[in-house]
Amino acid sequence: MSDGLVLRVVSDGPVTDEELAEQTRHLKDHLNQVPGVEATELVEKAEPGTRDPVSTIFGALTLAVFTYPTARRAAADIRHLTEVIKRYQERNKGKRLRVSLPDGTEIDVQDVSEKTLTEVIKSVSVPRQGTPPAVPQKVDGE
């Protein structure tokens, strides 16, 4: 499995692999529009003796969220990312999103607030090596 953040599309009813793959690609496209975020379909090594060197796991995306800008990647707007995830959940009734953290913890997106989801994503975001720590931004009222 992945050692990063995994986002799974889970259906409340019967669904074909094709339908699940289509829903997942649609979500991936939306997530990849958020600067500083890289969503890719989760793949794993195929069983020995099969022709495919890798297999796609239907309904699962790995999510890399970058906290520091680099020449090729902007720092993620985690609040915007959270909104994309929550809106997807609202638009696709009968489908739930589940976040798997590197430590094995799984969170059903439907059960958490945007604020909590934002904090979870921040906790597993990927700092770029060799980049100085982020400068805290001033919040209104400080």
N, C-alpha and C. Protein backbone atom coordinates (compact mmCIF):
# COMPACT_ATOMS: atom_id res chain seq x y z
N MET A 1 0.83 -1.19 0.00
CA MET A 1 0.00 0.00 0.00
C MET A 1 0.87 1.25 0.00
N SER A 2 0.24 2.37 0.09
CA SER A 2 0.94 3.65 0.04
C SER A 2 1.35 4.08 1.44
N ASP A 3 2.47 4.81 1.52
CA ASP A 3 2.88 5.33 2.82
C ASP A 3 2.40 6.77 3.00
N GLY A 4 1.56 7.25 2.11
CA GLY A 4 1.00 8.60 2.21
C GLY A 4 -0.49 8.55 2.46
N LEU A 5 -1.14 9.60 2.08
CA LEU A 5 -2.59 9.73 2.26
C LEU A 5 -3.29 8.99 1.13
N VAL A 6 -4.28 8.18 1.46
CA VAL A 6 -5.06 7.44 0.46
C VAL A 6 -6.51 7.86 0.60
N LEU A 7 -7.14 8.18 -0.51
CA LEU A 7 -8.53 8.58 -0.55
C LEU A 7 -9.29 7.53 -1.35
N ARG A 8 -10.30 6.92 -0.73
CA ARG A 8 -11.07 5.85 -1.39
C ARG A 8 -12.50 6.29 -1.63
N VAL A 9 -13.01 5.94 -2.81
CA VAL A 9 -14.42 6.13 -3.12
C VAL A 9 -15.09 4.81 -2.77
N VAL A 10 -16.06 4.85 -1.86
CA VAL A 10 -16.75 3.66 -1.40
C VAL A 10 -18.22 3.81 -1.72
N SER A 11 -18.81 2.79 -2.33
CA SER A 11 -20.22 2.84 -2.70
C SER A 11 -21.08 2.21 -1.61
N ASP A 12 -22.25 2.80 -1.38
CA ASP A 12 -23.19 2.23 -0.41
C ASP A 12 -23.98 1.07 -1.01
N GLY A 13 -23.92 0.92 -2.32
CA GLY A 13 -24.65 -0.14 -3.01
C GLY A 13 -23.76 -0.83 -4.00
N PRO A 14 -24.33 -1.80 -4.76
CA PRO A 14 -23.53 -2.49 -5.76
C PRO A 14 -23.09 -1.54 -6.87
N VAL A 15 -21.85 -1.68 -7.30
CA VAL A 15 -21.30 -0.83 -8.36
C VAL A 15 -20.25 -1.64 -9.13
N THR A 16 -20.18 -1.42 -10.43
CA THR A 16 -19.19 -2.14 -11.24
C THR A 16 -17.82 -1.48 -11.07
N ASP A 17 -16.78 -2.24 -11.42
CA ASP A 17 -15.43 -1.69 -11.38
C ASP A 17 -15.31 -0.48 -12.30
N GLU A 18 -15.97 -0.53 -13.46
CA GLU A 18 -15.92 0.57 -14.42
C GLU A 18 -16.54 1.84 -13.85
N GLU A 19 -17.69 1.69 -13.19
CA GLU A 19 -18.33 2.86 -12.58
C GLU A 19 -17.47 3.45 -11.47
N LEU A 20 -16.90 2.59 -10.66
CA LEU A 20 -16.04 3.04 -9.58
C LEU A 20 -14.80 3.73 -10.12
N ALA A 21 -14.22 3.17 -11.18
CA ALA A 21 -13.03 3.77 -11.80
C ALA A 21 -13.38 5.14 -12.38
N GLU A 22 -14.54 5.27 -13.01
CA GLU A 22 -14.96 6.55 -13.60
C GLU A 22 -15.16 7.61 -12.52
N GLN A 23 -15.82 7.25 -11.44
CA GLN A 23 -16.03 8.19 -10.33
C GLN A 23 -14.68 8.62 -9.73
N THR A 24 -13.77 7.68 -9.60
CA THR A 24 -12.46 7.97 -9.04
C THR A 24 -11.66 8.90 -9.95
N ARG A 25 -11.69 8.65 -11.26
CA ARG A 25 -10.98 9.53 -12.20
C ARG A 25 -11.57 10.94 -12.18
N HIS A 26 -12.88 11.04 -12.05
CA HIS A 26 -13.53 12.34 -11.98
C HIS A 26 -13.03 13.10 -10.74
N LEU A 27 -12.98 12.42 -9.60
CA LEU A 27 -12.47 13.04 -8.37
C LEU A 27 -11.00 13.41 -8.53
N LYS A 28 -10.21 12.52 -9.12
CA LYS A 28 -8.78 12.79 -9.33
C LYS A 28 -8.58 14.06 -10.16
N ASP A 29 -9.37 14.21 -11.23
CA ASP A 29 -9.26 15.41 -12.06
C ASP A 29 -9.54 16.67 -11.27
N HIS A 30 -10.55 16.64 -10.40
CA HIS A 30 -10.87 17.81 -9.58
C HIS A 30 -9.75 18.09 -8.57
N LEU A 31 -9.23 17.05 -7.95
CA LEU A 31 -8.17 17.24 -6.96
C LEU A 31 -6.90 17.79 -7.60
N ASN A 32 -6.59 17.34 -8.81
CA ASN A 32 -5.38 17.81 -9.47
C ASN A 32 -5.48 19.24 -9.97
N GLN A 33 -6.64 19.85 -9.89
CA GLN A 33 -6.78 21.27 -10.22
C GLN A 33 -6.39 22.16 -9.05
N VAL A 34 -6.24 21.58 -7.86
CA VAL A 34 -5.82 22.34 -6.69
C VAL A 34 -4.30 22.44 -6.71
N PRO A 35 -3.76 23.67 -6.73
CA PRO A 35 -2.29 23.82 -6.73
C PRO A 35 -1.66 23.13 -5.52
N GLY A 36 -0.54 22.47 -5.75
CA GLY A 36 0.18 21.83 -4.66
C GLY A 36 -0.34 20.45 -4.29
N VAL A 37 -1.26 19.92 -5.09
CA VAL A 37 -1.84 18.60 -4.82
C VAL A 37 -1.58 17.70 -6.02
N GLU A 38 -1.15 16.48 -5.75
CA GLU A 38 -0.98 15.48 -6.79
C GLU A 38 -1.78 14.24 -6.40
N ALA A 39 -2.84 13.96 -7.15
CA ALA A 39 -3.65 12.78 -6.93
C ALA A 39 -3.37 11.79 -8.06
N THR A 40 -3.08 10.55 -7.71
CA THR A 40 -2.84 9.51 -8.71
C THR A 40 -3.60 8.26 -8.29
N GLU A 41 -3.98 7.47 -9.30
CA GLU A 41 -4.67 6.22 -8.99
C GLU A 41 -3.69 5.29 -8.30
N LEU A 42 -4.17 4.63 -7.28
CA LEU A 42 -3.34 3.73 -6.49
C LEU A 42 -3.13 2.43 -7.26
N VAL A 43 -1.89 2.02 -7.36
CA VAL A 43 -1.56 0.76 -8.04
C VAL A 43 -0.69 -0.08 -7.11
N GLU A 44 -0.73 -1.37 -7.32
CA GLU A 44 0.15 -2.26 -6.57
C GLU A 44 0.66 -3.33 -7.51
N LYS A 45 1.69 -4.04 -7.09
CA LYS A 45 2.25 -5.10 -7.92
C LYS A 45 1.20 -6.20 -8.08
N ALA A 46 1.11 -6.70 -9.29
CA ALA A 46 0.15 -7.77 -9.59
C ALA A 46 0.64 -9.08 -8.99
N GLU A 47 -0.26 -10.02 -8.92
CA GLU A 47 0.07 -11.35 -8.40
C GLU A 47 1.14 -12.00 -9.28
N PRO A 48 2.02 -12.76 -8.70
CA PRO A 48 3.03 -13.47 -9.50
C PRO A 48 2.36 -14.36 -10.55
N GLY A 49 2.95 -14.41 -11.74
CA GLY A 49 2.42 -15.23 -12.81
C GLY A 49 1.42 -14.54 -13.71
N THR A 50 1.03 -13.28 -13.38
CA THR A 50 0.12 -12.54 -14.24
C THR A 50 0.92 -11.70 -15.22
N ARG A 51 0.28 -11.28 -16.28
CA ARG A 51 0.97 -10.51 -17.31
C ARG A 51 1.19 -9.05 -16.92
N ASP A 52 0.26 -8.49 -16.17
CA ASP A 52 0.36 -7.08 -15.79
C ASP A 52 1.42 -6.90 -14.70
N PRO A 53 2.35 -5.94 -14.87
CA PRO A 53 3.32 -5.70 -13.80
C PRO A 53 2.71 -4.96 -12.61
N VAL A 54 1.63 -4.20 -12.87
CA VAL A 54 0.94 -3.48 -11.79
C VAL A 54 -0.56 -3.57 -12.02
N SER A 55 -1.32 -3.42 -10.96
CA SER A 55 -2.78 -3.43 -11.05
C SER A 55 -3.32 -2.18 -10.37
N THR A 56 -4.31 -1.56 -11.01
CA THR A 56 -4.98 -0.41 -10.40
C THR A 56 -5.95 -0.92 -9.36
N ILE A 57 -5.98 -0.26 -8.22
CA ILE A 57 -6.96 -0.58 -7.19
C ILE A 57 -8.14 0.36 -7.42
N PHE A 58 -9.24 -0.18 -7.88
CA PHE A 58 -10.38 0.65 -8.24
C PHE A 58 -10.91 1.42 -7.04
N GLY A 59 -11.13 2.70 -7.25
CA GLY A 59 -11.70 3.54 -6.22
C GLY A 59 -10.71 4.13 -5.25
N ALA A 60 -9.41 3.95 -5.49
CA ALA A 60 -8.41 4.45 -4.54
C ALA A 60 -7.42 5.40 -5.21
N LEU A 61 -7.16 6.51 -4.55
CA LEU A 61 -6.20 7.51 -5.02
C LEU A 61 -5.15 7.73 -3.95
N THR A 62 -3.90 7.92 -4.36
CA THR A 62 -2.90 8.41 -3.42
C THR A 62 -2.91 9.92 -3.56
N LEU A 63 -2.73 10.59 -2.47
CA LEU A 63 -2.82 12.04 -2.45
C LEU A 63 -1.57 12.61 -1.81
N ALA A 64 -0.80 13.39 -2.59
CA ALA A 64 0.36 14.09 -2.07
C ALA A 64 -0.01 15.56 -1.96
N VAL A 65 0.17 16.11 -0.78
CA VAL A 65 -0.18 17.50 -0.50
C VAL A 65 1.10 18.20 -0.08
N PHE A 66 1.56 19.15 -0.89
CA PHE A 66 2.85 19.80 -0.66
C PHE A 66 2.66 21.10 0.11
N THR A 67 3.43 21.25 1.19
CA THR A 67 3.29 22.42 2.05
C THR A 67 4.21 23.56 1.67
N TYR A 68 5.30 23.27 0.99
CA TYR A 68 6.25 24.32 0.63
C TYR A 68 6.33 24.42 -0.88
N PRO A 69 6.36 25.63 -1.40
CA PRO A 69 6.47 25.75 -2.85
C PRO A 69 7.87 25.38 -3.33
N THR A 70 7.92 24.83 -4.51
CA THR A 70 9.18 24.56 -5.18
C THR A 70 9.07 25.13 -6.58
N ALA A 71 10.07 24.93 -7.38
CA ALA A 71 10.02 25.46 -8.74
C ALA A 71 8.88 24.83 -9.53
N ARG A 72 8.53 23.59 -9.23
CA ARG A 72 7.50 22.90 -10.00
C ARG A 72 6.19 22.72 -9.27
N ARG A 73 6.18 22.88 -7.96
CA ARG A 73 4.96 22.64 -7.18
C ARG A 73 4.67 23.83 -6.28
N ALA A 74 3.44 24.26 -6.30
CA ALA A 74 3.02 25.34 -5.41
C ALA A 74 2.64 24.74 -4.06
N ALA A 75 2.66 25.54 -3.03
CA ALA A 75 2.16 25.09 -1.74
C ALA A 75 0.65 24.89 -1.87
N ALA A 76 0.16 23.83 -1.30
CA ALA A 76 -1.26 23.50 -1.44
C ALA A 76 -2.13 24.46 -0.63
N ASP A 77 -3.26 24.80 -1.21
CA ASP A 77 -4.30 25.51 -0.48
C ASP A 77 -5.17 24.42 0.15
N ILE A 78 -4.81 24.02 1.34
CA ILE A 78 -5.45 22.87 1.98
C ILE A 78 -6.93 23.12 2.23
N ARG A 79 -7.28 24.35 2.52
CA ARG A 79 -8.70 24.67 2.72
C ARG A 79 -9.48 24.41 1.42
N HIS A 80 -8.92 24.82 0.27
CA HIS A 80 -9.56 24.57 -1.02
C HIS A 80 -9.66 23.07 -1.29
N LEU A 81 -8.61 22.34 -0.99
CA LEU A 81 -8.61 20.90 -1.16
C LEU A 81 -9.73 20.26 -0.34
N THR A 82 -9.87 20.69 0.89
CA THR A 82 -10.93 20.17 1.76
C THR A 82 -12.30 20.46 1.18
N GLU A 83 -12.49 21.66 0.65
CA GLU A 83 -13.77 22.01 0.03
C GLU A 83 -14.08 21.12 -1.16
N VAL A 84 -13.08 20.82 -1.99
CA VAL A 84 -13.27 19.94 -3.15
C VAL A 84 -13.73 18.56 -2.68
N ILE A 85 -13.09 18.04 -1.66
CA ILE A 85 -13.44 16.71 -1.13
C ILE A 85 -14.86 16.71 -0.57
N LYS A 86 -15.20 17.71 0.23
CA LYS A 86 -16.54 17.76 0.83
C LYS A 86 -17.62 17.97 -0.24
N ARG A 87 -17.35 18.81 -1.24
CA ARG A 87 -18.34 19.02 -2.32
C ARG A 87 -18.55 17.75 -3.12
N TYR A 88 -17.49 17.02 -3.38
CA TYR A 88 -17.62 15.74 -4.09
C TYR A 88 -18.54 14.82 -3.30
N GLN A 89 -18.33 14.77 -2.01
CA GLN A 89 -19.14 13.92 -1.14
C GLN A 89 -20.62 14.33 -1.22
N GLU A 90 -20.89 15.62 -1.21
CA GLU A 90 -22.28 16.11 -1.26
C GLU A 90 -22.93 15.82 -2.61
N ARG A 91 -22.16 15.94 -3.71
CA ARG A 91 -22.71 15.75 -5.06
C ARG A 91 -22.97 14.28 -5.39
N ASN A 92 -22.26 13.40 -4.78
CA ASN A 92 -22.33 11.98 -5.13
C ASN A 92 -22.96 11.18 -4.01
N LYS A 93 -24.26 11.35 -3.87
CA LYS A 93 -25.00 10.59 -2.85
C LYS A 93 -24.88 9.10 -3.17
N GLY A 94 -24.76 8.29 -2.17
CA GLY A 94 -24.59 6.86 -2.38
C GLY A 94 -23.13 6.47 -2.48
N LYS A 95 -22.24 7.46 -2.54
CA LYS A 95 -20.80 7.21 -2.55
C LYS A 95 -20.21 7.95 -1.34
N ARG A 96 -19.33 7.29 -0.66
CA ARG A 96 -18.66 7.92 0.47
C ARG A 96 -17.17 7.96 0.18
N LEU A 97 -16.51 8.92 0.79
CA LEU A 97 -15.05 9.00 0.69
C LEU A 97 -14.46 8.61 2.03
N ARG A 98 -13.42 7.81 1.97
CA ARG A 98 -12.73 7.38 3.18
C ARG A 98 -11.26 7.74 3.02
N VAL A 99 -10.70 8.40 4.03
CA VAL A 99 -9.29 8.79 4.03
C VAL A 99 -8.54 7.79 4.89
N SER A 100 -7.46 7.24 4.33
CA SER A 100 -6.57 6.35 5.08
C SER A 100 -5.27 7.09 5.33
N LEU A 101 -4.88 7.19 6.59
CA LEU A 101 -3.65 7.87 6.98
C LEU A 101 -2.49 6.88 6.98
N PRO A 102 -1.26 7.38 6.90
CA PRO A 102 -0.09 6.48 6.87
C PRO A 102 -0.02 5.53 8.06
N ASP A 103 -0.59 5.92 9.21
CA ASP A 103 -0.53 5.04 10.38
C ASP A 103 -1.63 3.98 10.38
N GLY A 104 -2.46 3.94 9.31
CA GLY A 104 -3.52 2.94 9.21
C GLY A 104 -4.89 3.44 9.64
N THR A 105 -4.96 4.60 10.24
CA THR A 105 -6.23 5.18 10.66
C THR A 105 -7.09 5.48 9.45
N GLU A 106 -8.37 5.12 9.51
CA GLU A 106 -9.30 5.42 8.43
C GLU A 106 -10.38 6.36 8.95
N ILE A 107 -10.70 7.36 8.13
CA ILE A 107 -11.69 8.37 8.51
C ILE A 107 -12.72 8.45 7.39
N ASP A 108 -14.00 8.34 7.74
CA ASP A 108 -15.07 8.52 6.77
C ASP A 108 -15.30 10.03 6.66
N VAL A 109 -15.12 10.57 5.47
CA VAL A 109 -15.21 12.02 5.26
C VAL A 109 -16.57 12.56 5.66
N GLN A 110 -17.60 11.77 5.48
CA GLN A 110 -18.96 12.21 5.81
C GLN A 110 -19.09 12.51 7.30
N ASP A 111 -18.28 11.87 8.12
CA ASP A 111 -18.40 12.00 9.58
C ASP A 111 -17.58 13.13 10.18
N VAL A 112 -16.83 13.89 9.37
CA VAL A 112 -15.98 14.93 9.92
C VAL A 112 -16.31 16.29 9.31
N SER A 113 -16.05 17.32 10.07
CA SER A 113 -16.27 18.69 9.59
C SER A 113 -15.13 19.08 8.65
N GLU A 114 -15.35 20.17 7.89
CA GLU A 114 -14.28 20.67 7.02
C GLU A 114 -13.06 21.06 7.84
N LYS A 115 -13.29 21.65 9.00
CA LYS A 115 -12.18 22.09 9.85
C LYS A 115 -11.33 20.89 10.29
N THR A 116 -11.98 19.82 10.73
CA THR A 116 -11.26 18.63 11.16
C THR A 116 -10.52 17.99 10.00
N LEU A 117 -11.18 17.91 8.84
CA LEU A 117 -10.53 17.33 7.66
C LEU A 117 -9.31 18.15 7.25
N THR A 118 -9.41 19.48 7.34
CA THR A 118 -8.29 20.36 7.03
C THR A 118 -7.10 20.04 7.94
N GLU A 119 -7.37 19.89 9.22
CA GLU A 119 -6.30 19.58 10.19
C GLU A 119 -5.67 18.22 9.91
N VAL A 120 -6.49 17.23 9.53
CA VAL A 120 -5.98 15.90 9.21
C VAL A 120 -5.05 15.98 8.00
N ILE A 121 -5.48 16.69 6.96
CA ILE A 121 -4.66 16.81 5.76
C ILE A 121 -3.36 17.56 6.05
N LYS A 122 -3.45 18.62 6.85
CA LYS A 122 -2.23 19.35 7.23
C LYS A 122 -1.24 18.44 7.93
N SER A 123 -1.75 17.54 8.76
CA SER A 123 -0.87 16.68 9.56
C SER A 123 -0.10 15.68 8.70
N VAL A 124 -0.57 15.40 7.50
CA VAL A 124 0.13 14.42 6.65
C VAL A 124 0.65 15.05 5.36
N SER A 125 0.67 16.38 5.30
CA SER A 125 1.19 17.03 4.10
C SER A 125 2.69 16.81 4.01
N VAL A 126 3.22 16.94 2.80
CA VAL A 126 4.61 16.58 2.51
C VAL A 126 5.48 17.82 2.40
N PRO A 127 6.35 18.09 3.39
CA PRO A 127 7.28 19.21 3.23
C PRO A 127 8.38 18.81 2.25
N ARG A 128 8.82 19.75 1.49
CA ARG A 128 9.91 19.50 0.54
C ARG A 128 11.24 19.58 1.28
N GLN A 129 12.13 18.63 1.03
CA GLN A 129 13.43 18.62 1.69
C GLN A 129 14.25 19.83 1.27
N GLY A 130 15.02 20.36 2.22
CA GLY A 130 15.89 21.48 1.93
C GLY A 130 15.17 22.81 1.87
N THR A 131 13.92 22.82 2.24
CA THR A 131 13.15 24.06 2.21
C THR A 131 13.03 24.59 3.64
N PRO A 132 13.23 25.87 3.83
CA PRO A 132 13.12 26.40 5.19
C PRO A 132 11.70 26.26 5.71
N PRO A 133 11.53 26.23 7.04
CA PRO A 133 10.20 26.11 7.61
C PRO A 133 9.30 27.26 7.13
N ALA A 134 8.03 26.94 7.04
CA ALA A 134 7.06 27.94 6.61
C ALA A 134 6.97 29.05 7.65
N VAL A 135 6.81 30.26 7.17
CA VAL A 135 6.63 31.39 8.05
C VAL A 135 5.16 31.47 8.42
N PRO A 136 4.84 31.46 9.73
CA PRO A 136 3.45 31.53 10.11
C PRO A 136 2.79 32.78 9.54
N GLN A 137 1.60 32.61 9.01
CA GLN A 137 0.89 33.74 8.48
C GLN A 137 0.02 34.36 9.55
N LYS A 138 -0.11 35.65 9.48
CA LYS A 138 -0.90 36.38 10.47
C LYS A 138 -2.38 36.11 10.22
N VAL A 139 -3.09 35.78 11.28
CA VAL A 139 -4.52 35.53 11.20
C VAL A 139 -5.25 36.76 11.70
N ASP A 140 -6.40 37.06 11.10
CA ASP A 140 -7.17 38.23 11.53
C ASP A 140 -7.31 38.24 13.05
N GLY A 141 -7.12 39.37 13.64
CA GLY A 141 -7.26 39.54 15.08
C GLY A 141 -5.99 39.30 15.85
N GLU A 142 -4.91 38.93 15.18
CA GLU A 142 -3.65 38.70 15.92
C GLU A 142 -2.79 39.92 15.88
